[in-house]
N, C-alpha and C. Protein backbone atom coordinates (compact mmCIF):
# COMPACT_ATOMS: atom_id res chain seq x y z
N MET A 1 15.63 76.66 166.95
CA MET A 1 15.14 77.96 166.07
C MET A 1 15.09 77.59 164.56
N ILE A 2 15.97 76.80 164.02
CA ILE A 2 15.70 76.56 162.67
C ILE A 2 14.71 75.66 162.42
N PRO A 3 14.38 74.55 163.00
CA PRO A 3 13.20 73.69 162.58
C PRO A 3 12.07 74.46 162.61
N LEU A 4 11.91 75.16 163.52
CA LEU A 4 10.57 76.01 163.83
C LEU A 4 10.58 77.08 162.53
N PHE A 5 11.52 77.56 162.11
CA PHE A 5 11.56 78.47 161.10
C PHE A 5 11.39 77.80 159.76
N ASP A 6 11.88 76.64 159.60
CA ASP A 6 11.68 75.94 158.32
C ASP A 6 10.12 75.55 158.31
N ALA A 7 9.53 75.19 159.21
CA ALA A 7 8.00 74.75 159.38
C ALA A 7 7.20 76.01 158.95
N LEU A 8 7.61 77.11 159.45
CA LEU A 8 6.93 78.32 159.34
C LEU A 8 7.02 78.79 157.79
N ARG A 9 8.15 78.59 157.40
CA ARG A 9 8.50 79.02 156.10
C ARG A 9 7.82 78.41 155.04
N ARG A 10 7.63 76.95 155.21
CA ARG A 10 6.91 76.07 154.34
C ARG A 10 5.42 76.65 154.41
N ARG A 11 4.90 77.32 155.55
CA ARG A 11 3.58 77.63 155.74
C ARG A 11 3.63 79.16 154.90
N TRP A 12 4.39 80.08 155.42
CA TRP A 12 4.46 81.43 155.11
C TRP A 12 5.50 81.97 154.20
N GLY A 13 6.55 81.27 153.78
CA GLY A 13 7.76 81.68 153.48
C GLY A 13 7.75 82.47 152.33
N GLY A 14 6.98 82.31 151.40
CA GLY A 14 6.90 83.30 150.17
C GLY A 14 5.79 84.23 150.10
N ASP A 15 5.72 85.13 149.11
CA ASP A 15 4.85 85.91 149.13
C ASP A 15 3.31 85.22 148.78
N PRO A 16 3.33 84.39 148.02
CA PRO A 16 2.06 83.47 147.75
C PRO A 16 1.53 82.92 149.13
N GLY A 17 2.40 82.57 149.92
CA GLY A 17 1.90 82.13 151.16
C GLY A 17 1.11 83.01 152.12
N LEU A 18 1.51 84.14 151.89
CA LEU A 18 0.91 85.20 152.79
C LEU A 18 -0.83 85.21 152.54
N ALA A 19 -1.06 84.94 151.33
CA ALA A 19 -2.49 84.86 151.10
C ALA A 19 -3.23 83.93 152.00
N ALA A 20 -2.58 82.93 152.39
CA ALA A 20 -3.41 81.86 153.39
C ALA A 20 -3.52 82.39 154.74
N LEU A 21 -2.80 83.46 155.15
CA LEU A 21 -3.11 84.04 156.56
C LEU A 21 -4.33 84.76 156.71
N ASP A 22 -4.63 84.95 158.01
CA ASP A 22 -5.98 85.83 158.22
C ASP A 22 -5.88 87.17 157.68
N PRO A 23 -6.98 87.71 157.28
CA PRO A 23 -6.67 89.15 156.83
C PRO A 23 -6.03 90.14 157.65
N GLN A 24 -5.46 91.12 157.10
CA GLN A 24 -4.95 92.26 157.89
C GLN A 24 -6.06 93.31 157.85
N GLY A 25 -5.80 94.50 158.94
CA GLY A 25 -6.67 95.49 158.86
C GLY A 25 -8.12 95.33 159.35
N PRO A 26 -9.10 96.19 159.04
CA PRO A 26 -10.40 96.05 159.89
C PRO A 26 -10.99 94.59 159.92
N ARG A 27 -10.94 94.18 158.63
CA ARG A 27 -11.42 92.58 158.48
C ARG A 27 -10.91 91.66 159.62
N GLY A 28 -9.47 91.74 159.48
CA GLY A 28 -8.82 90.97 160.47
C GLY A 28 -8.94 91.26 161.91
N VAL A 29 -9.19 92.42 162.31
CA VAL A 29 -9.36 92.83 163.62
C VAL A 29 -10.87 92.56 164.00
N ALA A 30 -11.82 92.28 163.17
CA ALA A 30 -13.25 91.85 163.36
C ALA A 30 -13.18 90.45 163.51
N LEU A 31 -12.44 89.79 162.73
CA LEU A 31 -12.45 88.28 162.70
C LEU A 31 -11.64 87.86 163.92
N ARG A 32 -10.59 88.40 164.36
CA ARG A 32 -9.74 87.89 165.56
C ARG A 32 -10.16 88.40 166.88
N GLY A 33 -10.71 89.77 166.84
CA GLY A 33 -10.83 90.66 168.09
C GLY A 33 -9.55 91.36 168.43
N HIS A 34 -9.51 92.24 168.95
CA HIS A 34 -8.34 93.05 169.26
C HIS A 34 -7.27 92.51 169.98
N ARG A 35 -7.54 91.79 171.05
CA ARG A 35 -6.56 91.08 171.89
C ARG A 35 -5.80 90.02 170.83
N GLU A 36 -6.76 89.08 170.33
CA GLU A 36 -5.83 88.21 169.35
C GLU A 36 -5.30 88.51 168.13
N TYR A 37 -5.70 89.76 167.58
CA TYR A 37 -5.11 90.06 166.52
C TYR A 37 -3.77 90.61 166.62
N VAL A 38 -3.33 91.13 167.73
CA VAL A 38 -1.98 91.47 167.95
C VAL A 38 -1.06 90.44 168.52
N GLY A 39 -1.76 88.98 168.73
CA GLY A 39 -0.94 87.91 168.97
C GLY A 39 -1.35 87.22 170.27
N GLY A 40 -2.30 87.57 170.87
CA GLY A 40 -2.74 87.05 172.24
C GLY A 40 -1.87 87.06 173.22
N HIS A 41 -1.87 86.22 174.29
CA HIS A 41 -0.80 86.28 175.39
C HIS A 41 -1.17 87.70 176.02
N TRP A 42 -2.34 88.21 176.12
CA TRP A 42 -2.60 89.77 176.53
C TRP A 42 -2.00 90.03 177.87
N GLU A 43 -2.46 89.49 178.90
CA GLU A 43 -1.75 89.81 180.02
C GLU A 43 -0.35 89.54 180.22
N GLU A 44 -0.07 88.06 179.96
CA GLU A 44 1.27 87.88 180.00
C GLU A 44 2.47 88.80 179.09
N ILE A 45 2.10 89.09 177.89
CA ILE A 45 3.06 89.85 177.19
C ILE A 45 3.06 91.27 177.66
N GLY A 46 1.74 91.79 177.88
CA GLY A 46 1.79 93.05 178.40
C GLY A 46 2.61 93.32 179.89
N GLN A 47 2.53 92.50 180.63
CA GLN A 47 3.26 92.45 182.00
C GLN A 47 4.63 92.35 181.82
N LEU A 48 4.92 91.31 180.95
CA LEU A 48 6.47 91.03 180.47
C LEU A 48 7.09 92.44 180.02
N GLN A 49 6.27 92.97 179.09
CA GLN A 49 7.08 94.34 178.55
C GLN A 49 7.22 95.20 179.60
N PHE A 50 6.30 95.64 180.34
CA PHE A 50 6.45 96.59 181.47
C PHE A 50 7.40 96.13 182.38
N ASP A 51 7.38 95.00 182.88
CA ASP A 51 8.67 94.65 183.80
C ASP A 51 10.09 94.75 183.22
N PHE A 52 9.94 94.31 181.99
CA PHE A 52 11.45 94.34 181.37
C PHE A 52 11.91 95.94 181.23
N LEU A 53 10.90 96.71 180.74
CA LEU A 53 11.51 98.02 180.79
C LEU A 53 11.76 98.78 182.17
N VAL A 54 11.13 98.67 183.26
CA VAL A 54 11.23 98.93 184.54
C VAL A 54 12.69 98.40 184.99
N ALA A 55 12.80 97.20 184.80
CA ALA A 55 14.07 96.58 185.06
C ALA A 55 15.51 97.09 184.20
N ARG A 56 14.81 97.69 183.11
CA ARG A 56 16.06 98.50 182.40
C ARG A 56 16.21 99.86 182.64
N GLY A 57 15.28 100.27 183.61
CA GLY A 57 15.58 101.72 184.07
C GLY A 57 14.39 102.54 183.60
N LEU A 58 13.27 102.26 183.12
CA LEU A 58 12.30 103.10 182.88
C LEU A 58 11.76 103.65 184.17
N GLN A 59 11.62 105.04 184.05
CA GLN A 59 11.23 105.80 185.33
C GLN A 59 10.07 106.63 184.78
N PRO A 60 9.08 106.90 185.89
CA PRO A 60 7.98 107.63 185.63
C PRO A 60 8.27 109.14 184.67
N GLN A 61 9.45 109.68 184.89
CA GLN A 61 9.60 111.01 184.15
C GLN A 61 9.94 110.67 182.79
N HIS A 62 10.26 109.60 182.33
CA HIS A 62 10.69 109.32 181.06
C HIS A 62 9.42 109.26 180.09
N VAL A 63 9.84 109.65 178.81
CA VAL A 63 8.71 109.47 177.74
C VAL A 63 9.12 108.38 177.07
N LEU A 64 8.17 107.47 177.18
CA LEU A 64 8.01 106.01 176.38
C LEU A 64 7.29 106.22 175.17
N LEU A 65 7.91 105.73 174.10
CA LEU A 65 7.22 105.53 172.76
C LEU A 65 6.86 103.96 172.58
N ASP A 66 5.61 103.58 172.35
CA ASP A 66 5.27 102.32 172.21
C ASP A 66 4.94 102.21 170.56
N ILE A 67 5.98 101.49 169.92
CA ILE A 67 5.73 101.54 168.54
C ILE A 67 5.07 100.39 167.98
N ALA A 68 4.03 100.49 167.21
CA ALA A 68 2.90 99.47 166.94
C ALA A 68 2.24 99.19 168.16
N CYS A 69 1.78 100.34 168.78
CA CYS A 69 1.04 99.80 170.20
C CYS A 69 -0.13 99.03 170.33
N GLY A 70 -0.92 98.87 169.08
CA GLY A 70 -1.75 98.02 169.08
C GLY A 70 -2.97 98.47 169.71
N ALA A 71 -3.55 97.54 170.67
CA ALA A 71 -4.73 98.07 171.51
C ALA A 71 -4.31 98.28 172.71
N LEU A 72 -2.93 98.67 173.21
CA LEU A 72 -2.35 99.14 174.37
C LEU A 72 -2.19 97.94 175.14
N ARG A 73 -1.70 96.79 174.62
CA ARG A 73 -1.49 95.68 175.61
C ARG A 73 -0.30 96.17 176.72
N LEU A 74 0.71 96.93 176.22
CA LEU A 74 1.79 97.46 177.12
C LEU A 74 1.12 98.88 177.88
N GLY A 75 0.47 99.46 177.08
CA GLY A 75 -0.24 100.72 177.28
C GLY A 75 -0.81 100.79 178.76
N VAL A 76 -1.70 99.67 178.85
CA VAL A 76 -2.48 99.71 180.20
C VAL A 76 -1.67 99.39 181.30
N LYS A 77 -0.28 98.96 181.08
CA LYS A 77 0.48 98.77 182.32
C LYS A 77 1.27 100.03 182.59
N ALA A 78 1.86 100.77 181.33
CA ALA A 78 2.84 101.72 181.40
C ALA A 78 2.10 103.07 181.74
N ILE A 79 0.97 103.33 181.29
CA ILE A 79 0.20 104.49 181.30
C ILE A 79 -0.03 105.00 182.77
N PRO A 80 -0.45 103.96 183.68
CA PRO A 80 -0.55 104.35 185.17
C PRO A 80 0.79 104.77 185.62
N TYR A 81 1.76 104.35 185.34
CA TYR A 81 3.11 104.48 185.88
C TYR A 81 3.93 105.73 185.54
N LEU A 82 3.65 106.17 184.11
CA LEU A 82 4.53 107.46 183.61
C LEU A 82 3.77 108.59 184.15
N GLU A 83 4.28 109.75 184.16
CA GLU A 83 3.81 110.99 184.44
C GLU A 83 3.07 111.21 183.07
N PRO A 84 1.89 112.30 183.59
CA PRO A 84 0.93 112.54 182.34
C PRO A 84 1.51 113.17 181.25
N GLY A 85 1.01 112.60 180.12
CA GLY A 85 1.79 112.94 178.80
C GLY A 85 2.65 112.15 178.29
N HIS A 86 3.27 111.28 179.11
CA HIS A 86 4.54 110.64 178.96
C HIS A 86 4.51 109.35 178.05
N TYR A 87 3.43 108.81 177.88
CA TYR A 87 3.03 107.64 177.05
C TYR A 87 2.78 108.18 175.65
N LEU A 88 3.79 107.62 174.69
CA LEU A 88 3.37 108.13 173.32
C LEU A 88 3.13 106.59 172.71
N GLY A 89 1.83 106.55 171.93
CA GLY A 89 1.54 105.49 171.17
C GLY A 89 1.45 105.45 169.85
N ILE A 90 2.06 104.84 168.78
CA ILE A 90 1.75 104.97 167.28
C ILE A 90 1.30 103.47 166.87
N GLU A 91 0.27 103.67 165.96
CA GLU A 91 -0.35 102.50 165.55
C GLU A 91 -0.88 102.66 164.08
N LYS A 92 -0.95 101.69 163.11
CA LYS A 92 -1.53 101.93 161.78
C LYS A 92 -3.17 101.49 161.89
N GLU A 93 -3.61 100.73 162.70
CA GLU A 93 -4.76 100.13 162.66
C GLU A 93 -5.94 100.92 163.37
N ARG A 94 -6.74 101.52 163.02
CA ARG A 94 -7.58 102.55 163.78
C ARG A 94 -8.52 101.75 164.58
N GLY A 95 -8.77 100.49 164.33
CA GLY A 95 -9.59 99.68 164.92
C GLY A 95 -8.99 99.19 166.31
N LEU A 96 -7.75 98.91 166.16
CA LEU A 96 -7.10 98.66 167.48
C LEU A 96 -6.93 99.90 168.33
N ILE A 97 -6.69 101.03 167.92
CA ILE A 97 -6.63 101.97 168.77
C ILE A 97 -7.68 102.40 169.36
N ARG A 98 -8.98 102.24 168.57
CA ARG A 98 -10.39 102.49 169.21
C ARG A 98 -10.57 101.44 170.30
N ALA A 99 -10.33 100.13 170.04
CA ALA A 99 -10.59 99.16 171.13
C ALA A 99 -9.55 99.49 172.31
N GLY A 100 -8.55 99.87 172.08
CA GLY A 100 -7.68 100.01 173.28
C GLY A 100 -8.16 101.01 174.18
N VAL A 101 -8.56 102.34 173.63
CA VAL A 101 -9.00 103.32 174.34
C VAL A 101 -10.24 103.12 174.88
N GLU A 102 -11.31 102.55 174.09
CA GLU A 102 -12.60 102.33 174.49
C GLU A 102 -12.80 101.22 175.54
N GLN A 103 -11.91 100.06 175.25
CA GLN A 103 -12.23 98.81 175.98
C GLN A 103 -11.37 98.50 177.01
N GLU A 104 -10.01 99.01 176.96
CA GLU A 104 -8.93 98.41 177.88
C GLU A 104 -8.49 99.70 178.71
N LEU A 105 -8.70 100.88 178.34
CA LEU A 105 -8.35 101.99 179.18
C LEU A 105 -9.42 102.69 179.80
N ALA A 106 -9.32 102.78 181.12
CA ALA A 106 -10.37 103.46 181.95
C ALA A 106 -10.52 104.72 181.63
N PRO A 107 -11.74 105.41 181.51
CA PRO A 107 -11.91 106.86 181.30
C PRO A 107 -11.01 107.89 182.06
N GLN A 108 -11.16 107.46 183.45
CA GLN A 108 -10.54 108.38 184.51
C GLN A 108 -9.00 108.29 184.14
N LEU A 109 -8.45 107.03 184.04
CA LEU A 109 -7.10 106.99 183.80
C LEU A 109 -6.76 107.74 182.47
N ARG A 110 -7.46 107.76 181.46
CA ARG A 110 -7.13 108.56 180.31
C ARG A 110 -7.14 110.07 180.64
N ARG A 111 -7.87 110.61 181.16
CA ARG A 111 -8.22 111.96 181.76
C ARG A 111 -6.94 112.38 182.45
N GLU A 112 -6.64 111.55 183.31
CA GLU A 112 -5.39 111.89 184.43
C GLU A 112 -4.18 111.74 183.71
N ARG A 113 -3.96 110.77 182.87
CA ARG A 113 -2.46 110.36 182.38
C ARG A 113 -2.31 111.14 181.01
N ARG A 114 -3.53 111.39 180.41
CA ARG A 114 -3.49 111.97 178.90
C ARG A 114 -2.35 111.41 177.91
N PRO A 115 -2.39 110.10 177.92
CA PRO A 115 -1.64 109.22 176.80
C PRO A 115 -1.90 109.84 175.32
N ARG A 116 -0.78 109.83 174.38
CA ARG A 116 -0.87 110.50 173.13
C ARG A 116 -0.81 109.43 172.15
N ILE A 117 -1.72 109.22 171.51
CA ILE A 117 -1.81 107.96 170.66
C ILE A 117 -2.03 108.65 169.12
N LEU A 118 -1.43 108.17 168.19
CA LEU A 118 -1.44 108.49 166.89
C LEU A 118 -1.76 107.33 165.93
N ARG A 119 -2.35 107.66 165.01
CA ARG A 119 -2.69 106.50 164.01
C ARG A 119 -1.56 106.80 162.81
N ASP A 120 -0.81 106.05 162.51
CA ASP A 120 0.21 106.29 161.41
C ASP A 120 0.77 105.13 161.02
N GLY A 121 0.83 104.74 159.70
CA GLY A 121 1.54 103.59 159.29
C GLY A 121 2.68 103.71 158.71
N ASN A 122 3.46 104.96 158.95
CA ASN A 122 4.64 105.20 158.11
C ASN A 122 5.61 105.70 159.14
N PHE A 123 5.50 105.45 160.19
CA PHE A 123 6.73 105.77 161.32
C PHE A 123 7.12 107.31 161.35
N ARG A 124 6.09 107.99 161.08
CA ARG A 124 6.17 109.66 161.27
C ARG A 124 6.26 110.05 162.88
N PHE A 125 7.31 109.58 163.40
CA PHE A 125 7.56 109.77 164.89
C PHE A 125 7.42 111.45 165.14
N TRP A 126 7.91 112.27 164.20
CA TRP A 126 8.16 113.67 164.47
C TRP A 126 6.78 114.25 164.81
N ARG A 127 5.64 113.59 164.45
CA ARG A 127 4.26 114.18 164.59
C ARG A 127 4.00 114.48 166.32
N PHE A 128 4.72 113.62 167.15
CA PHE A 128 4.54 113.77 168.45
C PHE A 128 5.13 115.07 168.95
N ARG A 129 6.08 115.56 168.34
CA ARG A 129 6.82 116.81 168.51
C ARG A 129 7.26 116.76 170.03
N GLN A 130 8.07 115.50 170.42
CA GLN A 130 8.54 115.42 171.88
C GLN A 130 9.48 114.34 171.86
N PRO A 131 10.47 114.70 172.27
CA PRO A 131 11.82 113.88 172.46
C PRO A 131 11.30 112.59 173.26
N VAL A 132 11.83 111.62 172.69
CA VAL A 132 11.82 110.16 173.40
C VAL A 132 12.98 109.69 174.13
N ASP A 133 12.52 109.26 175.58
CA ASP A 133 13.76 108.62 176.25
C ASP A 133 13.83 107.09 175.88
N VAL A 134 12.67 106.40 175.89
CA VAL A 134 12.73 104.88 175.74
C VAL A 134 11.74 104.66 174.59
N ALA A 135 12.08 103.77 173.55
CA ALA A 135 11.13 103.29 172.78
C ALA A 135 11.19 101.92 172.61
N ILE A 136 9.99 101.05 172.48
CA ILE A 136 10.04 99.68 172.33
C ILE A 136 9.18 99.25 171.11
N ALA A 137 9.78 98.36 170.36
CA ALA A 137 9.01 97.73 169.17
C ALA A 137 8.95 96.38 169.57
N GLN A 138 7.77 95.95 170.08
CA GLN A 138 7.80 94.62 170.46
C GLN A 138 6.88 93.73 169.42
N SER A 139 7.31 92.72 168.60
CA SER A 139 6.48 92.02 167.72
C SER A 139 6.17 92.93 166.65
N LEU A 140 7.14 93.66 166.21
CA LEU A 140 6.98 94.49 164.93
C LEU A 140 7.87 94.18 163.96
N PHE A 141 9.23 94.18 164.28
CA PHE A 141 10.22 93.56 163.36
C PHE A 141 9.91 92.11 162.84
N THR A 142 9.16 91.39 163.55
CA THR A 142 8.82 90.05 163.38
C THR A 142 7.96 89.98 161.96
N HIS A 143 7.25 91.18 161.77
CA HIS A 143 6.54 91.18 160.73
C HIS A 143 6.97 92.11 159.49
N LEU A 144 7.93 92.60 159.36
CA LEU A 144 8.64 93.59 158.51
C LEU A 144 9.88 92.99 157.57
N PRO A 145 9.78 93.49 156.35
CA PRO A 145 11.15 93.26 155.63
C PRO A 145 12.10 94.24 156.01
N PRO A 146 13.39 94.12 155.47
CA PRO A 146 14.46 94.99 156.01
C PRO A 146 14.40 96.60 155.72
N ARG A 147 13.58 96.58 154.41
CA ARG A 147 13.55 98.17 154.20
C ARG A 147 12.62 99.02 155.11
N LEU A 148 11.66 98.23 155.79
CA LEU A 148 10.60 98.94 156.78
C LEU A 148 11.44 98.88 157.96
N ILE A 149 12.05 98.13 158.41
CA ILE A 149 12.85 97.92 159.84
C ILE A 149 13.89 99.26 159.52
N GLY A 150 14.64 99.48 158.51
CA GLY A 150 15.34 100.73 158.22
C GLY A 150 14.78 101.87 158.52
N ARG A 151 13.44 101.64 157.71
CA ARG A 151 12.80 103.21 157.83
C ARG A 151 12.44 103.74 159.31
N CYS A 152 11.89 102.70 159.71
CA CYS A 152 11.51 102.77 161.26
C CYS A 152 12.64 103.31 162.15
N LEU A 153 13.87 102.76 162.04
CA LEU A 153 14.93 103.22 162.82
C LEU A 153 15.40 104.46 162.44
N ALA A 154 15.29 104.72 161.12
CA ALA A 154 15.86 106.02 160.41
C ALA A 154 14.94 107.13 160.99
N ARG A 155 13.72 106.95 160.90
CA ARG A 155 12.89 108.16 161.34
C ARG A 155 12.85 108.28 162.66
N LEU A 156 13.15 107.27 163.68
CA LEU A 156 13.08 107.35 165.13
C LEU A 156 14.48 108.22 165.70
N ARG A 157 15.29 107.84 164.76
CA ARG A 157 16.63 108.32 165.59
C ARG A 157 16.55 110.00 165.82
N PRO A 158 16.14 110.61 164.98
CA PRO A 158 16.31 112.12 165.43
C PRO A 158 15.18 112.53 166.37
N CYS A 159 14.39 111.68 166.74
CA CYS A 159 13.23 112.02 167.84
C CYS A 159 13.66 111.46 169.15
N LEU A 160 14.92 110.61 169.11
CA LEU A 160 15.43 110.10 170.50
C LEU A 160 16.27 111.12 171.06
N GLN A 161 16.16 111.21 172.55
CA GLN A 161 17.10 111.83 173.39
C GLN A 161 18.65 111.22 172.95
N PRO A 162 19.78 112.10 173.15
CA PRO A 162 20.96 111.64 172.93
C PRO A 162 21.28 110.24 173.67
N ASP A 163 20.78 110.34 174.94
CA ASP A 163 21.00 109.05 175.83
C ASP A 163 19.86 107.83 175.52
N GLY A 164 18.88 108.27 174.49
CA GLY A 164 17.94 107.26 174.54
C GLY A 164 18.18 105.83 174.17
N VAL A 165 17.11 105.12 174.32
CA VAL A 165 17.24 103.77 173.74
C VAL A 165 16.02 103.03 173.05
N VAL A 166 16.28 102.27 172.14
CA VAL A 166 15.32 101.55 171.25
C VAL A 166 15.39 100.18 171.51
N TYR A 167 14.22 99.50 171.95
CA TYR A 167 14.24 98.16 172.43
C TYR A 167 13.40 97.34 171.17
N ALA A 168 13.98 96.25 170.77
CA ALA A 168 13.12 95.60 169.53
C ALA A 168 13.33 94.00 169.66
N THR A 169 12.13 93.57 169.25
CA THR A 169 12.39 92.01 169.50
C THR A 169 12.13 91.53 167.94
N PHE A 170 12.74 90.21 167.98
CA PHE A 170 12.74 89.58 166.62
C PHE A 170 12.95 88.01 166.58
N HIS A 171 12.49 87.45 165.70
CA HIS A 171 12.80 85.84 165.69
C HIS A 171 14.33 85.73 165.03
N GLU A 172 14.97 85.00 165.92
CA GLU A 172 16.52 84.89 165.32
C GLU A 172 16.69 83.35 164.81
N VAL A 173 17.36 83.64 163.74
CA VAL A 173 17.89 82.29 163.03
C VAL A 173 19.47 82.43 162.93
N GLU A 174 19.97 81.39 162.83
CA GLU A 174 21.38 81.24 162.61
C GLU A 174 21.95 81.61 161.29
N GLN A 175 21.14 81.27 160.23
CA GLN A 175 21.68 81.85 158.93
C GLN A 175 20.69 82.54 158.22
N GLU A 176 20.90 83.66 157.44
CA GLU A 176 20.03 84.48 156.66
C GLU A 176 19.18 83.41 155.82
N CYS A 177 17.92 83.98 155.86
CA CYS A 177 16.89 83.07 155.15
C CYS A 177 16.00 84.04 154.32
N ALA A 178 15.14 83.57 153.43
CA ALA A 178 14.41 84.24 152.43
C ALA A 178 13.05 84.74 153.33
N ASN A 179 12.90 85.68 153.68
CA ASN A 179 11.69 86.49 154.28
C ASN A 179 10.69 86.93 153.16
N PRO A 180 9.46 86.94 153.26
CA PRO A 180 8.66 87.47 152.43
C PRO A 180 9.12 89.05 152.03
N ALA A 181 8.70 89.52 151.02
CA ALA A 181 9.00 90.80 150.12
C ALA A 181 8.21 91.98 150.77
N VAL A 182 6.91 91.53 151.41
CA VAL A 182 6.10 92.73 151.67
C VAL A 182 5.44 92.24 153.36
N PRO A 183 5.53 93.30 153.97
CA PRO A 183 5.15 93.10 155.37
C PRO A 183 3.54 92.61 155.54
N HIS A 184 3.25 91.88 156.66
CA HIS A 184 2.14 91.26 157.03
C HIS A 184 1.95 91.20 158.58
N ASP A 185 0.93 91.60 159.02
CA ASP A 185 0.41 91.73 160.38
C ASP A 185 0.67 90.19 160.91
N HIS A 186 0.63 89.15 160.08
CA HIS A 186 0.27 87.96 160.68
C HIS A 186 1.56 87.09 160.19
N GLY A 187 2.15 87.70 159.59
CA GLY A 187 3.50 86.92 158.71
C GLY A 187 4.66 86.66 159.63
N TYR A 188 5.40 85.84 159.17
CA TYR A 188 6.78 85.35 159.91
C TYR A 188 7.86 85.93 159.25
N PHE A 189 8.75 86.78 160.01
CA PHE A 189 9.72 87.34 159.33
C PHE A 189 11.06 86.94 160.27
N ALA A 190 12.28 86.58 159.98
CA ALA A 190 13.23 85.93 161.01
C ALA A 190 14.45 86.57 160.41
N TYR A 191 15.44 86.87 161.38
CA TYR A 191 16.80 87.44 161.10
C TYR A 191 18.00 86.82 162.00
N THR A 192 19.17 87.00 161.45
CA THR A 192 20.27 86.60 162.36
C THR A 192 20.52 87.87 163.07
N ARG A 193 21.31 87.54 164.06
CA ARG A 193 21.77 88.69 164.93
C ARG A 193 22.71 89.73 164.30
N ALA A 194 23.47 89.14 163.38
CA ALA A 194 24.36 90.13 162.49
C ALA A 194 23.52 90.97 161.61
N GLN A 195 22.38 90.45 160.94
CA GLN A 195 21.45 91.34 160.36
C GLN A 195 20.92 92.68 161.25
N MET A 196 20.28 92.17 162.48
CA MET A 196 19.91 93.02 163.28
C MET A 196 20.82 94.29 163.74
N GLU A 197 21.96 93.75 163.76
CA GLU A 197 22.98 94.73 163.87
C GLU A 197 23.32 95.67 163.07
N ALA A 198 23.18 95.13 161.87
CA ALA A 198 23.32 95.89 160.61
C ALA A 198 22.28 96.86 160.33
N PHE A 199 21.04 96.46 160.60
CA PHE A 199 19.99 97.35 160.58
C PHE A 199 20.23 98.57 161.29
N GLY A 200 20.66 98.51 162.54
CA GLY A 200 20.80 99.67 163.45
C GLY A 200 22.22 100.42 162.90
N GLY A 201 22.92 99.96 162.67
CA GLY A 201 24.46 100.53 162.26
C GLY A 201 24.42 101.10 161.16
N GLU A 202 23.67 100.72 160.19
CA GLU A 202 23.17 101.62 158.84
C GLU A 202 22.65 102.91 159.13
N GLN A 203 21.87 102.84 160.45
CA GLN A 203 21.09 104.15 160.70
C GLN A 203 21.76 104.98 161.70
N GLY A 204 23.16 104.69 162.04
CA GLY A 204 23.66 105.36 163.27
C GLY A 204 23.53 104.88 164.50
N TYR A 205 23.07 103.63 164.89
CA TYR A 205 23.07 103.11 166.28
C TYR A 205 24.08 102.22 166.58
N GLY A 206 24.43 102.25 167.78
CA GLY A 206 25.12 101.27 168.69
C GLY A 206 24.16 100.12 168.74
N PHE A 207 24.57 98.79 169.11
CA PHE A 207 23.84 97.78 169.25
C PHE A 207 24.24 96.93 170.52
N GLU A 208 23.22 96.20 171.18
CA GLU A 208 23.25 95.32 172.43
C GLU A 208 22.32 94.36 172.15
N TYR A 209 22.73 93.10 172.19
CA TYR A 209 22.26 91.91 171.91
C TYR A 209 21.87 91.40 173.50
N ILE A 210 20.50 91.47 173.68
CA ILE A 210 19.97 91.07 175.08
C ILE A 210 19.53 89.63 175.14
N GLY A 211 19.07 89.29 174.14
CA GLY A 211 18.61 87.88 173.79
C GLY A 211 17.38 87.48 174.58
N ASP A 212 17.31 86.34 175.24
CA ASP A 212 16.07 85.62 175.77
C ASP A 212 15.69 86.50 176.90
N TRP A 213 14.24 86.89 176.76
CA TRP A 213 13.67 87.74 178.03
C TRP A 213 12.36 87.11 178.42
N HIS A 214 12.12 85.75 177.95
CA HIS A 214 11.21 84.93 178.43
C HIS A 214 9.85 85.37 177.72
N HIS A 215 9.75 85.58 176.21
CA HIS A 215 8.84 85.85 175.39
C HIS A 215 8.19 84.43 175.27
N PRO A 216 6.77 84.38 175.28
CA PRO A 216 6.06 83.01 175.10
C PRO A 216 6.40 82.35 173.68
N ARG A 217 6.58 83.22 172.71
CA ARG A 217 6.87 82.69 171.38
C ARG A 217 8.37 82.90 170.95
N GLY A 218 9.10 83.03 172.05
CA GLY A 218 10.72 82.81 171.58
C GLY A 218 11.42 84.00 171.06
N GLN A 219 10.63 85.21 170.98
CA GLN A 219 11.31 86.39 170.12
C GLN A 219 12.19 86.90 171.32
N VAL A 220 13.29 87.19 170.51
CA VAL A 220 14.57 87.62 171.51
C VAL A 220 14.57 89.22 171.24
N MET A 221 15.53 89.84 172.30
CA MET A 221 15.49 91.27 172.46
C MET A 221 16.84 91.79 172.11
N VAL A 222 16.89 92.98 171.35
CA VAL A 222 18.10 93.88 171.31
C VAL A 222 17.78 95.14 171.58
N ALA A 223 18.82 96.02 171.78
CA ALA A 223 18.74 97.42 172.21
C ALA A 223 19.61 98.22 171.30
N TYR A 224 19.08 99.32 170.48
CA TYR A 224 19.90 100.38 169.73
C TYR A 224 19.95 101.47 170.66
N ARG A 225 21.03 102.26 170.51
CA ARG A 225 21.47 103.43 171.03
C ARG A 225 22.07 104.49 170.12
N PRO A 226 21.71 105.49 169.95
CA PRO A 226 22.30 106.44 168.75
C PRO A 226 23.90 106.84 169.45
N ARG A 227 24.68 106.50 168.29
CA ARG A 227 26.12 106.78 168.43
C ARG A 227 26.16 108.37 168.55
N ARG A 228 27.01 108.89 168.98
CA ARG A 228 27.32 110.08 169.37
C ARG A 228 28.62 110.53 168.49
């Protein structure tokens, strides 16, 4: 883990290095395409997320919140499984949402399952006005500084059912390191297990370290549950 991080830090580690990355937003989506913009491995990671959630107890009657849902890499797997209206997706990039709805989701499935997808870059989960049973932030905290991870968890907690759960992936390092100060969709941010636990603890969550879940880029998984 450490050698990989050191190599990536040399390339991306400070704010000036972020300028060398592909552009974010509409230019980036146009440059990479919607599947590559979210990191590629489209079928593999979509199926991996879905299988993981089902194995951890996701049922059709649950309300699933897909945070930074992108172009519906998980959505195309989860929407047919969930009851109508029970898939919630939130994403800041309009182009990714459009591509997901128009190119990845069959019109009949959209009509039958009525997924709810919001464009929002500030974690305003209350806009759904629907309590959440299960949330997942896959490859989101890998691009965010601590203040935005804290904001995401803080704004999500009031929207969770008392027995709800939030799954999140991160790049794990053994010692705290210098991450960029600003978020970037293609940047690399890494944290220790203790930091990830603290991010949740500060917002009133209990913490479970799940670890390896066979992610192709080595991201590991944790779970947060509201403390009662």
